[in-house]
Amino acid sequence: MPTVDGVLDPRLRTAVASLHPGAQVTDFAWGSDLDAMVDAGYTPLGPQRLWVRKEE
């Protein structure tokens, strides 16, 4: 997602809020980006897990 100084771009938040009032916004961040998101008021939900299946 587009960010400004590691935080979700406010213009994107405004667009999402106008198109989907009351919807939650998620992002995937770690390190200093995660710190910036938390400082901006976001709440971390937990680690992200990715699963890959090898094609046979």
N, C-alpha and C. Protein backbone atom coordinates (compact mmCIF):
# COMPACT_ATOMS: atom_id res chain seq x y z
N MET A 1 0.84 -1.18 0.00
CA MET A 1 0.00 0.00 0.00
C MET A 1 0.89 1.24 0.00
N PRO A 2 0.42 2.29 -0.64
CA PRO A 2 1.20 3.53 -0.65
C PRO A 2 1.35 4.10 0.75
N THR A 3 2.56 4.53 1.06
CA THR A 3 2.81 5.08 2.38
C THR A 3 3.46 6.45 2.27
N VAL A 4 3.35 7.20 3.34
CA VAL A 4 4.04 8.47 3.51
C VAL A 4 4.81 8.34 4.80
N ASP A 5 6.14 8.36 4.73
CA ASP A 5 6.99 8.17 5.91
C ASP A 5 6.66 6.87 6.64
N GLY A 6 6.37 5.79 5.89
CA GLY A 6 6.12 4.50 6.49
C GLY A 6 4.71 4.29 7.01
N VAL A 7 3.84 5.29 6.86
CA VAL A 7 2.47 5.18 7.35
C VAL A 7 1.53 5.25 6.15
N LEU A 8 0.46 4.47 6.22
CA LEU A 8 -0.52 4.45 5.14
C LEU A 8 -0.89 5.86 4.70
N ASP A 9 -0.79 6.13 3.41
CA ASP A 9 -1.06 7.45 2.85
C ASP A 9 -2.45 7.91 3.25
N PRO A 10 -2.58 9.08 3.88
CA PRO A 10 -3.89 9.58 4.33
C PRO A 10 -4.90 9.70 3.19
N ARG A 11 -4.43 9.97 1.98
CA ARG A 11 -5.36 10.07 0.83
C ARG A 11 -5.99 8.73 0.54
N LEU A 12 -5.22 7.66 0.71
CA LEU A 12 -5.76 6.32 0.50
C LEU A 12 -6.79 5.98 1.57
N ARG A 13 -6.47 6.33 2.83
CA ARG A 13 -7.44 6.10 3.91
C ARG A 13 -8.74 6.84 3.64
N THR A 14 -8.65 8.07 3.15
CA THR A 14 -9.85 8.86 2.85
C THR A 14 -10.66 8.22 1.73
N ALA A 15 -9.97 7.74 0.70
CA ALA A 15 -10.66 7.09 -0.42
C ALA A 15 -11.36 5.82 0.03
N VAL A 16 -10.68 4.99 0.82
CA VAL A 16 -11.28 3.75 1.32
C VAL A 16 -12.48 4.07 2.21
N ALA A 17 -12.34 5.05 3.09
CA ALA A 17 -13.44 5.41 3.99
C ALA A 17 -14.66 5.91 3.22
N SER A 18 -14.44 6.64 2.12
CA SER A 18 -15.58 7.15 1.37
C SER A 18 -16.26 6.06 0.55
N LEU A 19 -15.47 5.09 0.07
CA LEU A 19 -16.04 4.00 -0.72
C LEU A 19 -16.65 2.89 0.13
N HIS A 20 -16.07 2.68 1.32
CA HIS A 20 -16.50 1.59 2.19
C HIS A 20 -16.58 2.08 3.64
N PRO A 21 -17.57 2.91 3.96
CA PRO A 21 -17.68 3.45 5.32
C PRO A 21 -17.74 2.33 6.36
N GLY A 22 -16.95 2.48 7.41
CA GLY A 22 -16.96 1.51 8.50
C GLY A 22 -16.08 0.30 8.27
N ALA A 23 -15.50 0.16 7.07
CA ALA A 23 -14.64 -0.99 6.79
C ALA A 23 -13.29 -0.83 7.47
N GLN A 24 -12.71 -1.95 7.86
CA GLN A 24 -11.38 -1.95 8.47
C GLN A 24 -10.32 -1.93 7.38
N VAL A 25 -9.17 -1.33 7.66
CA VAL A 25 -8.06 -1.28 6.72
C VAL A 25 -6.91 -2.10 7.29
N THR A 26 -6.31 -2.93 6.46
CA THR A 26 -5.17 -3.72 6.90
C THR A 26 -3.95 -3.38 6.05
N ASP A 27 -2.80 -3.66 6.59
CA ASP A 27 -1.54 -3.45 5.88
C ASP A 27 -0.56 -4.48 6.41
N PHE A 28 0.49 -4.72 5.67
CA PHE A 28 1.53 -5.63 6.10
C PHE A 28 2.79 -4.81 6.29
N ALA A 29 3.27 -4.73 7.53
CA ALA A 29 4.44 -3.91 7.83
C ALA A 29 5.30 -4.62 8.85
N TRP A 30 6.59 -4.29 8.86
CA TRP A 30 7.51 -4.83 9.85
C TRP A 30 8.61 -3.80 10.07
N GLY A 31 9.38 -4.01 11.11
CA GLY A 31 10.50 -3.12 11.41
C GLY A 31 10.05 -1.69 11.67
N SER A 32 10.78 -0.75 11.09
CA SER A 32 10.47 0.67 11.32
C SER A 32 9.11 1.06 10.72
N ASP A 33 8.68 0.39 9.64
CA ASP A 33 7.35 0.68 9.07
C ASP A 33 6.26 0.29 10.07
N LEU A 34 6.43 -0.87 10.73
CA LEU A 34 5.46 -1.29 11.73
C LEU A 34 5.44 -0.30 12.89
N ASP A 35 6.62 0.13 13.33
CA ASP A 35 6.70 1.12 14.41
C ASP A 35 5.95 2.39 14.04
N ALA A 36 6.11 2.84 12.79
CA ALA A 36 5.43 4.05 12.33
C ALA A 36 3.91 3.86 12.31
N MET A 37 3.46 2.67 11.88
CA MET A 37 2.02 2.40 11.85
C MET A 37 1.43 2.41 13.26
N VAL A 38 2.14 1.79 14.21
CA VAL A 38 1.68 1.76 15.60
C VAL A 38 1.66 3.18 16.16
N ASP A 39 2.69 3.97 15.87
CA ASP A 39 2.73 5.36 16.32
C ASP A 39 1.58 6.18 15.75
N ALA A 40 1.08 5.78 14.56
CA ALA A 40 -0.02 6.49 13.92
C ALA A 40 -1.38 6.02 14.43
N GLY A 41 -1.37 5.04 15.35
CA GLY A 41 -2.63 4.61 15.95
C GLY A 41 -3.15 3.27 15.49
N TYR A 42 -2.41 2.58 14.61
CA TYR A 42 -2.84 1.26 14.16
C TYR A 42 -2.48 0.22 15.21
N THR A 43 -3.18 -0.92 15.21
CA THR A 43 -2.95 -1.99 16.17
C THR A 43 -2.44 -3.23 15.44
N PRO A 44 -1.27 -3.74 15.83
CA PRO A 44 -0.79 -4.97 15.19
C PRO A 44 -1.67 -6.15 15.57
N LEU A 45 -1.98 -6.99 14.59
CA LEU A 45 -2.84 -8.15 14.83
C LEU A 45 -2.03 -9.42 15.06
N GLY A 46 -0.83 -9.50 14.56
CA GLY A 46 0.00 -10.68 14.73
C GLY A 46 0.84 -10.91 13.49
N PRO A 47 1.65 -11.96 13.53
CA PRO A 47 2.54 -12.22 12.39
C PRO A 47 1.75 -12.72 11.18
N GLN A 48 2.28 -12.43 10.02
CA GLN A 48 1.68 -12.90 8.78
C GLN A 48 2.33 -14.21 8.39
N ARG A 49 1.52 -15.16 7.98
CA ARG A 49 2.05 -16.45 7.52
C ARG A 49 1.69 -16.65 6.06
N LEU A 50 2.64 -17.06 5.31
CA LEU A 50 2.42 -17.36 3.89
C LEU A 50 2.65 -18.84 3.66
N TRP A 51 1.74 -19.43 2.92
CA TRP A 51 1.85 -20.85 2.61
C TRP A 51 2.01 -20.99 1.11
N VAL A 52 2.93 -21.86 0.72
CA VAL A 52 3.20 -22.09 -0.70
C VAL A 52 3.09 -23.58 -0.96
N ARG A 53 2.40 -23.91 -2.02
CA ARG A 53 2.30 -25.32 -2.41
C ARG A 53 3.13 -25.51 -3.68
N LYS A 54 4.03 -26.48 -3.64
CA LYS A 54 4.83 -26.78 -4.82
C LYS A 54 3.96 -27.48 -5.85
N GLU A 55 4.08 -27.00 -7.07
CA GLU A 55 3.33 -27.66 -8.14
C GLU A 55 4.06 -28.94 -8.53
N GLU A 56 3.30 -29.96 -8.76
CA GLU A 56 3.91 -31.25 -9.13
C GLU A 56 3.84 -31.47 -10.60
